[in-house]
């Protein structure tokens, strides 16, 4: 799976995803301190699902209707690297085939999946 991991999501998530065999572009490595619109544009250009814990992307994608190839917004109970990885791992194990072109919010207790607006 082609993913773009937001800088705020952390290097541990990037490492986990790469180890799991995914093609991962890290904002922290390739576009440090980029603004949200530039990150979302890059994800679309590179045909990547954006993985983030920044709710501002939800505003851009869901409320403002910005184009995207898929957005996984992780909302763990705590912001530890282990919690972030656990949420991402659970989503990929159960719902990986539903990430493309969907807005997905995931916590330890559940996942909410919404199709993109037309």
PDB file of N, CA and C in Angstrom:
ATOM      1  N   UNK A   1       0.845  -1.164   0.000  1.00  0.00           N
ATOM      2  CA  UNK A   1       0.000   0.000   0.000  1.00  0.00           C
ATOM      3  C   UNK A   1       0.897   1.235   0.000  1.00  0.00           C
ATOM      4  N   UNK A   2       0.509   2.260  -0.761  1.00  0.00           N
ATOM      5  CA  UNK A   2       1.252   3.511  -0.832  1.00  0.00           C
ATOM      6  C   UNK A   2       0.681   4.485   0.183  1.00  0.00           C
ATOM      7  N   UNK A   3       1.537   4.916   1.107  1.00  0.00           N
ATOM      8  CA  UNK A   3       1.094   5.761   2.211  1.00  0.00           C
ATOM      9  C   UNK A   3       1.972   6.991   2.334  1.00  0.00           C
ATOM     10  N   UNK A   4       1.372   8.077   2.807  1.00  0.00           N
ATOM     11  CA  UNK A   4       2.094   9.284   3.183  1.00  0.00           C
ATOM     12  C   UNK A   4       1.786   9.501   4.658  1.00  0.00           C
ATOM     13  N   UNK A   5       2.802   9.473   5.505  1.00  0.00           N
ATOM     14  CA  UNK A   5       2.605   9.602   6.943  1.00  0.00           C
ATOM     15  C   UNK A   5       2.968  11.014   7.376  1.00  0.00           C
ATOM     16  N   UNK A   6       1.999  11.669   7.987  1.00  0.00           N
ATOM     17  CA  UNK A   6       2.171  13.037   8.469  1.00  0.00           C
ATOM     18  C   UNK A   6       3.261  13.099   9.534  1.00  0.00           C
ATOM     19  N   UNK A   7       3.919  14.215   9.581  1.00  0.00           N
ATOM     20  CA  UNK A   7       5.031  14.429  10.517  1.00  0.00           C
ATOM     21  C   UNK A   7       4.587  14.240  11.973  1.00  0.00           C
ATOM     22  N   UNK A   8       3.408  14.718  12.312  1.00  0.00           N
ATOM     23  CA  UNK A   8       2.937  14.628  13.696  1.00  0.00           C
ATOM     24  C   UNK A   8       2.613  13.196  14.120  1.00  0.00           C
ATOM     25  N   UNK A   9       2.442  12.321  13.169  1.00  0.00           N
ATOM     26  CA  UNK A   9       2.106  10.927  13.485  1.00  0.00           C
ATOM     27  C   UNK A   9       3.312  10.177  14.034  1.00  0.00           C
ATOM     28  N   UNK A  10       4.499  10.559  13.613  1.00  0.00           N
ATOM     29  CA  UNK A  10       5.705  10.033  14.233  1.00  0.00           C
ATOM     30  C   UNK A  10       6.486   9.008  13.443  1.00  0.00           C
ATOM     31  N   UNK A  11       7.764   8.987  13.735  1.00  0.00           N
ATOM     32  CA  UNK A  11       8.706   8.092  13.060  1.00  0.00           C
ATOM     33  C   UNK A  11       8.440   6.628  13.378  1.00  0.00           C
ATOM     34  N   UNK A  12       7.917   6.336  14.563  1.00  0.00           N
ATOM     35  CA  UNK A  12       7.652   4.934  14.918  1.00  0.00           C
ATOM     36  C   UNK A  12       6.605   4.321  14.001  1.00  0.00           C
ATOM     37  N   UNK A  13       5.597   5.097  13.634  1.00  0.00           N
ATOM     38  CA  UNK A  13       4.570   4.603  12.709  1.00  0.00           C
ATOM     39  C   UNK A  13       5.185   4.382  11.326  1.00  0.00           C
ATOM     40  N   UNK A  14       6.025   5.311  10.900  1.00  0.00           N
ATOM     41  CA  UNK A  14       6.710   5.162   9.605  1.00  0.00           C
ATOM     42  C   UNK A  14       7.525   3.872   9.595  1.00  0.00           C
ATOM     43  N   UNK A  15       8.307   3.651  10.627  1.00  0.00           N
ATOM     44  CA  UNK A  15       9.134   2.446  10.711  1.00  0.00           C
ATOM     45  C   UNK A  15       8.276   1.189  10.715  1.00  0.00           C
ATOM     46  N   UNK A  16       7.210   1.184  11.503  1.00  0.00           N
ATOM     47  CA  UNK A  16       6.308   0.035  11.545  1.00  0.00           C
ATOM     48  C   UNK A  16       5.750  -0.273  10.151  1.00  0.00           C
ATOM     49  N   UNK A  17       5.270   0.740   9.464  1.00  0.00           N
ATOM     50  CA  UNK A  17       4.658   0.524   8.148  1.00  0.00           C
ATOM     51  C   UNK A  17       5.679   0.038   7.128  1.00  0.00           C
ATOM     52  N   UNK A  18       6.867   0.592   7.159  1.00  0.00           N
ATOM     53  CA  UNK A  18       7.913   0.145   6.233  1.00  0.00           C
ATOM     54  C   UNK A  18       8.297  -1.303   6.518  1.00  0.00           C
ATOM     55  N   UNK A  19       8.415  -1.638   7.780  1.00  0.00           N
ATOM     56  CA  UNK A  19       8.755  -3.008   8.168  1.00  0.00           C
ATOM     57  C   UNK A  19       7.674  -3.986   7.722  1.00  0.00           C
ATOM     58  N   UNK A  20       6.436  -3.512   7.709  1.00  0.00           N
ATOM     59  CA  UNK A  20       5.307  -4.344   7.267  1.00  0.00           C
ATOM     60  C   UNK A  20       5.224  -4.440   5.742  1.00  0.00           C
ATOM     61  N   UNK A  21       6.131  -3.764   5.045  1.00  0.00           N
ATOM     62  CA  UNK A  21       6.211  -3.902   3.587  1.00  0.00           C
ATOM     63  C   UNK A  21       5.490  -2.840   2.784  1.00  0.00           C
ATOM     64  N   UNK A  22       5.042  -1.786   3.420  1.00  0.00           N
ATOM     65  CA  UNK A  22       4.340  -0.724   2.706  1.00  0.00           C
ATOM     66  C   UNK A  22       5.318   0.282   2.116  1.00  0.00           C
ATOM     67  N   UNK A  23       4.891   0.931   1.032  1.00  0.00           N
ATOM     68  CA  UNK A  23       5.660   2.003   0.410  1.00  0.00           C
ATOM     69  C   UNK A  23       5.266   3.288   1.139  1.00  0.00           C
ATOM     70  N   UNK A  24       6.166   3.796   1.976  1.00  0.00           N
ATOM     71  CA  UNK A  24       5.839   4.907   2.863  1.00  0.00           C
ATOM     72  C   UNK A  24       6.711   6.116   2.564  1.00  0.00           C
ATOM     73  N   UNK A  25       6.037   7.238   2.337  1.00  0.00           N
ATOM     74  CA  UNK A  25       6.707   8.525   2.228  1.00  0.00           C
ATOM     75  C   UNK A  25       6.430   9.264   3.532  1.00  0.00           C
ATOM     76  N   UNK A  26       7.478   9.717   4.191  1.00  0.00           N
ATOM     77  CA  UNK A  26       7.360  10.403   5.469  1.00  0.00           C
ATOM     78  C   UNK A  26       7.443  11.908   5.260  1.00  0.00           C
ATOM     79  N   UNK A  27       6.437  12.628   5.742  1.00  0.00           N
ATOM     80  CA  UNK A  27       6.467  14.088   5.655  1.00  0.00           C
ATOM     81  C   UNK A  27       7.685  14.617   6.398  1.00  0.00           C
ATOM     82  N   UNK A  28       8.001  14.049   7.553  1.00  0.00           N
ATOM     83  CA  UNK A  28       9.151  14.498   8.336  1.00  0.00           C
ATOM     84  C   UNK A  28      10.468  14.366   7.598  1.00  0.00           C
ATOM     85  N   UNK A  29      10.582  13.370   6.740  1.00  0.00           N
ATOM     86  CA  UNK A  29      11.814  13.155   5.980  1.00  0.00           C
ATOM     87  C   UNK A  29      11.857  13.945   4.680  1.00  0.00           C
ATOM     88  N   UNK A  30      10.714  14.111   4.024  1.00  0.00           N
ATOM     89  CA  UNK A  30      10.703  14.673   2.679  1.00  0.00           C
ATOM     90  C   UNK A  30      10.104  16.073   2.566  1.00  0.00           C
ATOM     91  N   UNK A  31       9.288  16.479   3.532  1.00  0.00           N
ATOM     92  CA  UNK A  31       8.650  17.794   3.468  1.00  0.00           C
ATOM     93  C   UNK A  31       8.494  18.373   4.878  1.00  0.00           C
ATOM     94  N   UNK A  32       9.553  18.441   5.653  1.00  0.00           N
ATOM     95  CA  UNK A  32       9.406  18.884   7.040  1.00  0.00           C
ATOM     96  C   UNK A  32       8.704  20.235   7.141  1.00  0.00           C
ATOM     97  N   UNK A  33       7.790  20.300   8.087  1.00  0.00           N
ATOM     98  CA  UNK A  33       7.037  21.513   8.408  1.00  0.00           C
ATOM     99  C   UNK A  33       6.166  22.008   7.256  1.00  0.00           C
ATOM    100  N   UNK A  34       5.814  21.142   6.328  1.00  0.00           N
ATOM    101  CA  UNK A  34       4.920  21.534   5.235  1.00  0.00           C
ATOM    102  C   UNK A  34       3.535  21.824   5.791  1.00  0.00           C
ATOM    103  N   UNK A  35       2.807  22.717   5.109  1.00  0.00           N
ATOM    104  CA  UNK A  35       1.456  22.986   5.592  1.00  0.00           C
ATOM    105  C   UNK A  35       0.507  21.883   5.122  1.00  0.00           C
ATOM    106  N   UNK A  36      -0.641  21.823   5.769  1.00  0.00           N
ATOM    107  CA  UNK A  36      -1.575  20.724   5.538  1.00  0.00           C
ATOM    108  C   UNK A  36      -2.022  20.618   4.087  1.00  0.00           C
ATOM    109  N   UNK A  37      -2.293  21.752   3.452  1.00  0.00           N
ATOM    110  CA  UNK A  37      -2.740  21.720   2.063  1.00  0.00           C
ATOM    111  C   UNK A  37      -1.664  21.129   1.150  1.00  0.00           C
ATOM    112  N   UNK A  38      -0.403  21.487   1.381  1.00  0.00           N
ATOM    113  CA  UNK A  38       0.699  20.936   0.575  1.00  0.00           C
ATOM    114  C   UNK A  38       0.842  19.431   0.795  1.00  0.00           C
ATOM    115  N   UNK A  39       0.652  18.993   2.022  1.00  0.00           N
ATOM    116  CA  UNK A  39       0.735  17.556   2.325  1.00  0.00           C
ATOM    117  C   UNK A  39      -0.382  16.804   1.614  1.00  0.00           C
ATOM    118  N   UNK A  40      -1.584  17.323   1.686  1.00  0.00           N
ATOM    119  CA  UNK A  40      -2.718  16.677   1.027  1.00  0.00           C
ATOM    120  C   UNK A  40      -2.531  16.653  -0.488  1.00  0.00           C
ATOM    121  N   UNK A  41      -2.031  17.740  -1.043  1.00  0.00           N
ATOM    122  CA  UNK A  41      -1.763  17.800  -2.491  1.00  0.00           C
ATOM    123  C   UNK A  41      -0.727  16.762  -2.886  1.00  0.00           C
ATOM    124  N   UNK A  42       0.319  16.619  -2.094  1.00  0.00           N
ATOM    125  CA  UNK A  42       1.366  15.622  -2.380  1.00  0.00           C
ATOM    126  C   UNK A  42       0.797  14.206  -2.337  1.00  0.00           C
ATOM    127  N   UNK A  43      -0.052  13.939  -1.370  1.00  0.00           N
ATOM    128  CA  UNK A  43      -0.669  12.613  -1.269  1.00  0.00           C
ATOM    129  C   UNK A  43      -1.485  12.306  -2.525  1.00  0.00           C
ATOM    130  N   UNK A  44      -2.221  13.283  -3.013  1.00  0.00           N
ATOM    131  CA  UNK A  44      -3.020  13.082  -4.225  1.00  0.00           C
ATOM    132  C   UNK A  44      -2.104  12.884  -5.430  1.00  0.00           C
ATOM    133  N   UNK A  45      -1.100  13.730  -5.576  1.00  0.00           N
ATOM    134  CA  UNK A  45      -0.176  13.638  -6.710  1.00  0.00           C
ATOM    135  C   UNK A  45       0.529  12.290  -6.758  1.00  0.00           C
ATOM    136  N   UNK A  46       0.903  11.774  -5.587  1.00  0.00           N
ATOM    137  CA  UNK A  46       1.647  10.515  -5.509  1.00  0.00           C
ATOM    138  C   UNK A  46       0.740   9.298  -5.347  1.00  0.00           C
ATOM    139  N   UNK A  47      -0.584   9.532  -5.362  1.00  0.00           N
ATOM    140  CA  UNK A  47      -1.556   8.443  -5.219  1.00  0.00           C
ATOM    141  C   UNK A  47      -1.324   7.661  -3.919  1.00  0.00           C
ATOM    142  N   UNK A  48      -1.258   8.404  -2.808  1.00  0.00           N
ATOM    143  CA  UNK A  48      -0.987   7.814  -1.496  1.00  0.00           C
ATOM    144  C   UNK A  48      -2.120   8.103  -0.518  1.00  0.00           C
ATOM    145  N   UNK A  49      -2.373   7.160   0.350  1.00  0.00           N
ATOM    146  CA  UNK A  49      -3.302   7.350   1.457  1.00  0.00           C
ATOM    147  C   UNK A  49      -2.553   8.106   2.543  1.00  0.00           C
ATOM    148  N   UNK A  50      -3.171   9.149   3.057  1.00  0.00           N
ATOM    149  CA  UNK A  50      -2.556   9.952   4.107  1.00  0.00           C
ATOM    150  C   UNK A  50      -2.896   9.369   5.472  1.00  0.00           C
ATOM    151  N   UNK A  51      -1.869   9.136   6.283  1.00  0.00           N
ATOM    152  CA  UNK A  51      -2.030   8.656   7.654  1.00  0.00           C
ATOM    153  C   UNK A  51      -1.644   9.809   8.573  1.00  0.00           C
ATOM    154  N   UNK A  52      -2.551  10.211   9.451  1.00  0.00           N
ATOM    155  CA  UNK A  52      -2.301  11.365  10.306  1.00  0.00           C
ATOM    156  C   UNK A  52      -3.054  11.240  11.623  1.00  0.00           C
ATOM    157  N   UNK A  53      -2.667  12.045  12.566  1.00  0.00           N
ATOM    158  CA  UNK A  53      -3.438  12.189  13.794  1.00  0.00           C
ATOM    159  C   UNK A  53      -3.858  13.641  13.967  1.00  0.00           C
ATOM    160  N   UNK A  54      -3.764  14.422  12.908  1.00  0.00           N
ATOM    161  CA  UNK A  54      -4.085  15.846  12.886  1.00  0.00           C
ATOM    162  C   UNK A  54      -5.517  16.035  12.374  1.00  0.00           C
ATOM    163  N   UNK A  55      -6.414  16.480  13.253  1.00  0.00           N
ATOM    164  CA  UNK A  55      -7.823  16.648  12.885  1.00  0.00           C
ATOM    165  C   UNK A  55      -8.042  17.712  11.818  1.00  0.00           C
ATOM    166  N   UNK A  56      -7.077  18.594  11.603  1.00  0.00           N
ATOM    167  CA  UNK A  56      -7.235  19.624  10.568  1.00  0.00           C
ATOM    168  C   UNK A  56      -7.426  19.008   9.185  1.00  0.00           C
ATOM    169  N   UNK A  57      -6.857  17.837   8.951  1.00  0.00           N
ATOM    170  CA  UNK A  57      -7.050  17.171   7.659  1.00  0.00           C
ATOM    171  C   UNK A  57      -8.502  16.743   7.478  1.00  0.00           C
ATOM    172  N   UNK A  58      -9.159  16.413   8.564  1.00  0.00           N
ATOM    173  CA  UNK A  58     -10.583  16.096   8.492  1.00  0.00           C
ATOM    174  C   UNK A  58     -11.381  17.281   7.996  1.00  0.00           C
ATOM    175  N   UNK A  59     -11.015  18.464   8.456  1.00  0.00           N
ATOM    176  CA  UNK A  59     -11.674  19.683   7.987  1.00  0.00           C
ATOM    177  C   UNK A  59     -11.455  19.868   6.484  1.00  0.00           C
ATOM    178  N   UNK A  60     -10.209  19.701   6.047  1.00  0.00           N
ATOM    179  CA  UNK A  60      -9.902  19.878   4.619  1.00  0.00           C
ATOM    180  C   UNK A  60     -10.621  18.864   3.742  1.00  0.00           C
ATOM    181  N   UNK A  61     -10.619  17.619   4.166  1.00  0.00           N
ATOM    182  CA  UNK A  61     -11.152  16.535   3.332  1.00  0.00           C
ATOM    183  C   UNK A  61     -12.662  16.402   3.462  1.00  0.00           C
ATOM    184  N   UNK A  62     -13.133  16.281   4.672  1.00  0.00           N
ATOM    185  CA  UNK A  62     -14.546  15.964   4.844  1.00  0.00           C
ATOM    186  C   UNK A  62     -15.422  17.203   4.757  1.00  0.00           C
ATOM    187  N   UNK A  63     -15.064  18.244   5.448  1.00  0.00           N
ATOM    188  CA  UNK A  63     -15.917  19.437   5.474  1.00  0.00           C
ATOM    189  C   UNK A  63     -15.726  20.331   4.247  1.00  0.00           C
ATOM    190  N   UNK A  64     -14.481  20.510   3.796  1.00  0.00           N
ATOM    191  CA  UNK A  64     -14.204  21.395   2.661  1.00  0.00           C
ATOM    192  C   UNK A  64     -14.209  20.675   1.322  1.00  0.00           C
ATOM    193  N   UNK A  65     -14.239  19.348   1.348  1.00  0.00           N
ATOM    194  CA  UNK A  65     -14.323  18.591   0.106  1.00  0.00           C
ATOM    195  C   UNK A  65     -13.051  18.563  -0.714  1.00  0.00           C
ATOM    196  N   UNK A  66     -11.894  18.751  -0.078  1.00  0.00           N
ATOM    197  CA  UNK A  66     -10.625  18.705  -0.804  1.00  0.00           C
ATOM    198  C   UNK A  66     -10.383  17.295  -1.347  1.00  0.00           C
ATOM    199  N   UNK A  67      -9.814  17.192  -2.541  1.00  0.00           N
ATOM    200  CA  UNK A  67      -9.543  15.859  -3.088  1.00  0.00           C
ATOM    201  C   UNK A  67      -8.496  15.115  -2.263  1.00  0.00           C
ATOM    202  N   UNK A  68      -8.620  13.806  -2.264  1.00  0.00           N
ATOM    203  CA  UNK A  68      -7.669  12.947  -1.558  1.00  0.00           C
ATOM    204  C   UNK A  68      -7.784  11.551  -2.140  1.00  0.00           C
ATOM    205  N   UNK A  69      -6.824  10.701  -1.818  1.00  0.00           N
ATOM    206  CA  UNK A  69      -6.847   9.297  -2.253  1.00  0.00           C
ATOM    207  C   UNK A  69      -7.206   8.376  -1.105  1.00  0.00           C
ATOM    208  N   UNK A  70      -7.462   8.959   0.048  1.00  0.00           N
ATOM    209  CA  UNK A  70      -7.802   8.229   1.252  1.00  0.00           C
ATOM    210  C   UNK A  70      -7.125   8.912   2.422  1.00  0.00           C
ATOM    211  N   UNK A  71      -7.821   8.951   3.541  1.00  0.00           N
ATOM    212  CA  UNK A  71      -7.260   9.579   4.722  1.00  0.00           C
ATOM    213  C   UNK A  71      -7.575   8.708   5.926  1.00  0.00           C
ATOM    214  N   UNK A  72      -6.545   8.321   6.648  1.00  0.00           N
ATOM    215  CA  UNK A  72      -6.689   7.567   7.887  1.00  0.00           C
ATOM    216  C   UNK A  72      -6.315   8.494   9.031  1.00  0.00           C
ATOM    217  N   UNK A  73      -7.324   8.920   9.783  1.00  0.00           N
ATOM    218  CA  UNK A  73      -7.134   9.777  10.938  1.00  0.00           C
ATOM    219  C   UNK A  73      -7.138   8.896  12.175  1.00  0.00           C
ATOM    220  N   UNK A  74      -5.982   8.789  12.809  1.00  0.00           N
ATOM    221  CA  UNK A  74      -5.883   7.939  13.998  1.00  0.00           C
ATOM    222  C   UNK A  74      -6.083   8.792  15.240  1.00  0.00           C
ATOM    223  N   UNK A  75      -6.883   8.277  16.165  1.00  0.00           N
ATOM    224  CA  UNK A  75      -7.216   8.980  17.399  1.00  0.00           C
ATOM    225  C   UNK A  75      -7.029   8.041  18.590  1.00  0.00           C
ATOM    226  N   UNK A  76      -5.790   7.676  18.912  1.00  0.00           N
ATOM    227  CA  UNK A  76      -5.575   6.769  20.049  1.00  0.00           C
ATOM    228  C   UNK A  76      -5.912   7.453  21.368  1.00  0.00           C
ATOM    229  N   UNK A  77      -6.177   6.638  22.384  1.00  0.00           N
ATOM    230  CA  UNK A  77      -6.477   7.177  23.728  1.00  0.00           C
ATOM    231  C   UNK A  77      -5.316   8.013  24.239  1.00  0.00           C
ATOM    232  N   UNK A  78      -4.119   7.537  24.034  1.00  0.00           N
ATOM    233  CA  UNK A  78      -2.943   8.328  24.388  1.00  0.00           C
ATOM    234  C   UNK A  78      -2.091   8.450  23.131  1.00  0.00           C
ATOM    235  N   UNK A  79      -1.217   9.406  23.121  1.00  0.00           N
ATOM    236  CA  UNK A  79      -0.430   9.700  21.921  1.00  0.00           C
ATOM    237  C   UNK A  79       0.917   8.996  21.887  1.00  0.00           C
ATOM    238  N   UNK A  80       1.061   7.920  22.649  1.00  0.00           N
ATOM    239  CA  UNK A  80       2.331   7.199  22.645  1.00  0.00           C
ATOM    240  C   UNK A  80       2.538   6.514  21.295  1.00  0.00           C
ATOM    241  N   UNK A  81       3.786   6.344  20.896  1.00  0.00           N
ATOM    242  CA  UNK A  81       4.057   5.626  19.652  1.00  0.00           C
ATOM    243  C   UNK A  81       3.407   4.240  19.620  1.00  0.00           C
ATOM    244  N   UNK A  82       3.437   3.534  20.735  1.00  0.00           N
ATOM    245  CA  UNK A  82       2.850   2.189  20.781  1.00  0.00           C
ATOM    246  C   UNK A  82       1.340   2.230  20.511  1.00  0.00           C
ATOM    247  N   UNK A  83       0.645   3.225  21.050  1.00  0.00           N
ATOM    248  CA  UNK A  83      -0.796   3.350  20.815  1.00  0.00           C
ATOM    249  C   UNK A  83      -1.092   3.698  19.360  1.00  0.00           C
ATOM    250  N   UNK A  84      -0.303   4.595  18.804  1.00  0.00           N
ATOM    251  CA  UNK A  84      -0.495   4.960  17.392  1.00  0.00           C
ATOM    252  C   UNK A  84      -0.296   3.734  16.492  1.00  0.00           C
ATOM    253  N   UNK A  85       0.768   3.000  16.750  1.00  0.00           N
ATOM    254  CA  UNK A  85       1.038   1.799  15.962  1.00  0.00           C
ATOM    255  C   UNK A  85      -0.090   0.789  16.120  1.00  0.00           C
ATOM    256  N   UNK A  86      -0.576   0.589  17.322  1.00  0.00           N
ATOM    257  CA  UNK A  86      -1.647  -0.385  17.559  1.00  0.00           C
ATOM    258  C   UNK A  86      -2.899  -0.034  16.767  1.00  0.00           C
ATOM    259  N   UNK A  87      -3.250   1.238  16.726  1.00  0.00           N
ATOM    260  CA  UNK A  87      -4.441   1.652  15.970  1.00  0.00           C
ATOM    261  C   UNK A  87      -4.221   1.427  14.477  1.00  0.00           C
ATOM    262  N   UNK A  88      -3.078   1.836  13.961  1.00  0.00           N
ATOM    263  CA  UNK A  88      -2.778   1.643  12.530  1.00  0.00           C
ATOM    264  C   UNK A  88      -2.762   0.157  12.183  1.00  0.00           C
ATOM    265  N   UNK A  89      -2.137  -0.630  13.011  1.00  0.00           N
ATOM    266  CA  UNK A  89      -2.058  -2.071  12.769  1.00  0.00           C
ATOM    267  C   UNK A  89      -3.452  -2.698  12.731  1.00  0.00           C
ATOM    268  N   UNK A  90      -4.314  -2.320  13.653  1.00  0.00           N
ATOM    269  CA  UNK A  90      -5.674  -2.858  13.682  1.00  0.00           C
ATOM    270  C   UNK A  90      -6.458  -2.471  12.430  1.00  0.00           C
ATOM    271  N   UNK A  91      -6.311  -1.235  12.000  1.00  0.00           N
ATOM    272  CA  UNK A  91      -7.019  -0.787  10.795  1.00  0.00           C
ATOM    273  C   UNK A  91      -6.544  -1.572   9.577  1.00  0.00           C
ATOM    274  N   UNK A  92      -5.238  -1.711   9.428  1.00  0.00           N
ATOM    275  CA  UNK A  92      -4.707  -2.426   8.268  1.00  0.00           C
ATOM    276  C   UNK A  92      -5.107  -3.900   8.283  1.00  0.00           C
ATOM    277  N   UNK A  93      -5.213  -4.483   9.452  1.00  0.00           N
ATOM    278  CA  UNK A  93      -5.593  -5.899   9.548  1.00  0.00           C
ATOM    279  C   UNK A  93      -7.049  -6.120   9.151  1.00  0.00           C
ATOM    280  N   UNK A  94      -7.915  -5.180   9.452  1.00  0.00           N
ATOM    281  CA  UNK A  94      -9.353  -5.379   9.237  1.00  0.00           C
ATOM    282  C   UNK A  94      -9.939  -4.609   8.060  1.00  0.00           C
ATOM    283  N   UNK A  95      -9.417  -3.426   7.779  1.00  0.00           N
ATOM    284  CA  UNK A  95     -10.079  -2.545   6.817  1.00  0.00           C
ATOM    285  C   UNK A  95      -9.159  -1.999   5.726  1.00  0.00           C
ATOM    286  N   UNK A  96      -8.031  -2.599   5.490  1.00  0.00           N
ATOM    287  CA  UNK A  96      -7.082  -2.082   4.500  1.00  0.00           C
ATOM    288  C   UNK A  96      -7.722  -1.908   3.128  1.00  0.00           C
ATOM    289  N   UNK A  97      -8.604  -2.815   2.763  1.00  0.00           N
ATOM    290  CA  UNK A  97      -9.237  -2.746   1.441  1.00  0.00           C
ATOM    291  C   UNK A  97     -10.272  -1.630   1.330  1.00  0.00           C
ATOM    292  N   UNK A  98     -10.557  -0.944   2.422  1.00  0.00           N
ATOM    293  CA  UNK A  98     -11.548   0.131   2.405  1.00  0.00           C
ATOM    294  C   UNK A  98     -10.935   1.518   2.598  1.00  0.00           C
ATOM    295  N   UNK A  99      -9.623   1.613   2.582  1.00  0.00           N
ATOM    296  CA  UNK A  99      -8.973   2.901   2.834  1.00  0.00           C
ATOM    297  C   UNK A  99      -8.948   3.822   1.620  1.00  0.00           C
ATOM    298  N   UNK A 100      -8.771   3.274   0.438  1.00  0.00           N
ATOM    299  CA  UNK A 100      -8.657   4.103  -0.763  1.00  0.00           C
ATOM    300  C   UNK A 100      -9.942   4.898  -0.968  1.00  0.00           C
ATOM    301  N   UNK A 101      -9.764   6.207  -1.140  1.00  0.00           N
ATOM    302  CA  UNK A 101     -10.865   7.135  -1.411  1.00  0.00           C
ATOM    303  C   UNK A 101     -11.894   7.232  -0.299  1.00  0.00           C
ATOM    304  N   UNK A 102     -11.513   6.861   0.917  1.00  0.00           N
ATOM    305  CA  UNK A 102     -12.405   6.980   2.059  1.00  0.00           C
ATOM    306  C   UNK A 102     -11.757   7.820   3.155  1.00  0.00           C
ATOM    307  N   UNK A 103     -12.608   8.429   3.968  1.00  0.00           N
ATOM    308  CA  UNK A 103     -12.178   9.155   5.158  1.00  0.00           C
ATOM    309  C   UNK A 103     -12.421   8.218   6.326  1.00  0.00           C
ATOM    310  N   UNK A 104     -11.345   7.796   6.988  1.00  0.00           N
ATOM    311  CA  UNK A 104     -11.430   6.789   8.041  1.00  0.00           C
ATOM    312  C   UNK A 104     -10.918   7.386   9.353  1.00  0.00           C
ATOM    313  N   UNK A 105     -11.726   7.271  10.392  1.00  0.00           N
ATOM    314  CA  UNK A 105     -11.315   7.688  11.729  1.00  0.00           C
ATOM    315  C   UNK A 105     -11.212   6.428  12.572  1.00  0.00           C
ATOM    316  N   UNK A 106     -10.063   6.242  13.214  1.00  0.00           N
ATOM    317  CA  UNK A 106      -9.827   5.011  13.970  1.00  0.00           C
ATOM    318  C   UNK A 106      -9.333   5.312  15.376  1.00  0.00           C
ATOM    319  N   UNK A 107      -9.920   4.602  16.336  1.00  0.00           N
ATOM    320  CA  UNK A 107      -9.490   4.642  17.729  1.00  0.00           C
ATOM    321  C   UNK A 107      -9.248   3.203  18.166  1.00  0.00           C
ATOM    322  N   UNK A 108      -8.844   3.016  19.415  1.00  0.00           N
ATOM    323  CA  UNK A 108      -8.689   1.655  19.925  1.00  0.00           C
ATOM    324  C   UNK A 108     -10.028   0.937  19.999  1.00  0.00           C
ATOM    325  N   UNK A 109     -11.113   1.682  20.115  1.00  0.00           N
ATOM    326  CA  UNK A 109     -12.414   1.041  20.302  1.00  0.00           C
ATOM    327  C   UNK A 109     -13.265   0.933  19.052  1.00  0.00           C
ATOM    328  N   UNK A 110     -12.831   1.521  17.931  1.00  0.00           N
ATOM    329  CA  UNK A 110     -13.644   1.395  16.739  1.00  0.00           C
ATOM    330  C   UNK A 110     -13.118   2.165  15.552  1.00  0.00           C
ATOM    331  N   UNK A 111     -13.793   1.935  14.419  1.00  0.00           N
ATOM    332  CA  UNK A 111     -13.423   2.568  13.162  1.00  0.00           C
ATOM    333  C   UNK A 111     -14.690   3.109  12.507  1.00  0.00           C
ATOM    334  N   UNK A 112     -14.601   4.318  11.996  1.00  0.00           N
ATOM    335  CA  UNK A 112     -15.702   4.923  11.253  1.00  0.00           C
ATOM    336  C   UNK A 112     -15.197   5.202   9.843  1.00  0.00           C
ATOM    337  N   UNK A 113     -15.909   4.717   8.834  1.00  0.00           N
ATOM    338  CA  UNK A 113     -15.474   4.855   7.441  1.00  0.00           C
ATOM    339  C   UNK A 113     -16.546   5.605   6.669  1.00  0.00           C
ATOM    340  N   UNK A 114     -16.121   6.663   5.983  1.00  0.00           N
ATOM    341  CA  UNK A 114     -17.042   7.448   5.149  1.00  0.00           C
ATOM    342  C   UNK A 114     -16.475   7.554   3.750  1.00  0.00           C
ATOM    343  N   UNK A 115     -17.348   7.388   2.779  1.00  0.00           N
ATOM    344  CA  UNK A 115     -16.936   7.541   1.386  1.00  0.00           C
ATOM    345  C   UNK A 115     -16.673   9.016   1.104  1.00  0.00           C
ATOM    346  N   UNK A 116     -15.832   9.266   0.122  1.00  0.00           N
ATOM    347  CA  UNK A 116     -15.565  10.635  -0.290  1.00  0.00           C
ATOM    348  C   UNK A 116     -16.824  11.256  -0.864  1.00  0.00           C
ATOM    349  N   UNK A 117     -16.901  12.560  -0.756  1.00  0.00           N
ATOM    350  CA  UNK A 117     -18.007  13.265  -1.400  1.00  0.00           C
ATOM    351  C   UNK A 117     -17.772  13.230  -2.904  1.00  0.00           C
ATOM    352  N   UNK A 118     -18.853  13.186  -3.685  1.00  0.00           N
ATOM    353  CA  UNK A 118     -18.694  13.166  -5.150  1.00  0.00           C
ATOM    354  C   UNK A 118     -18.076  14.430  -5.683  1.00  0.00           C
TER     355      UNK A 118
END
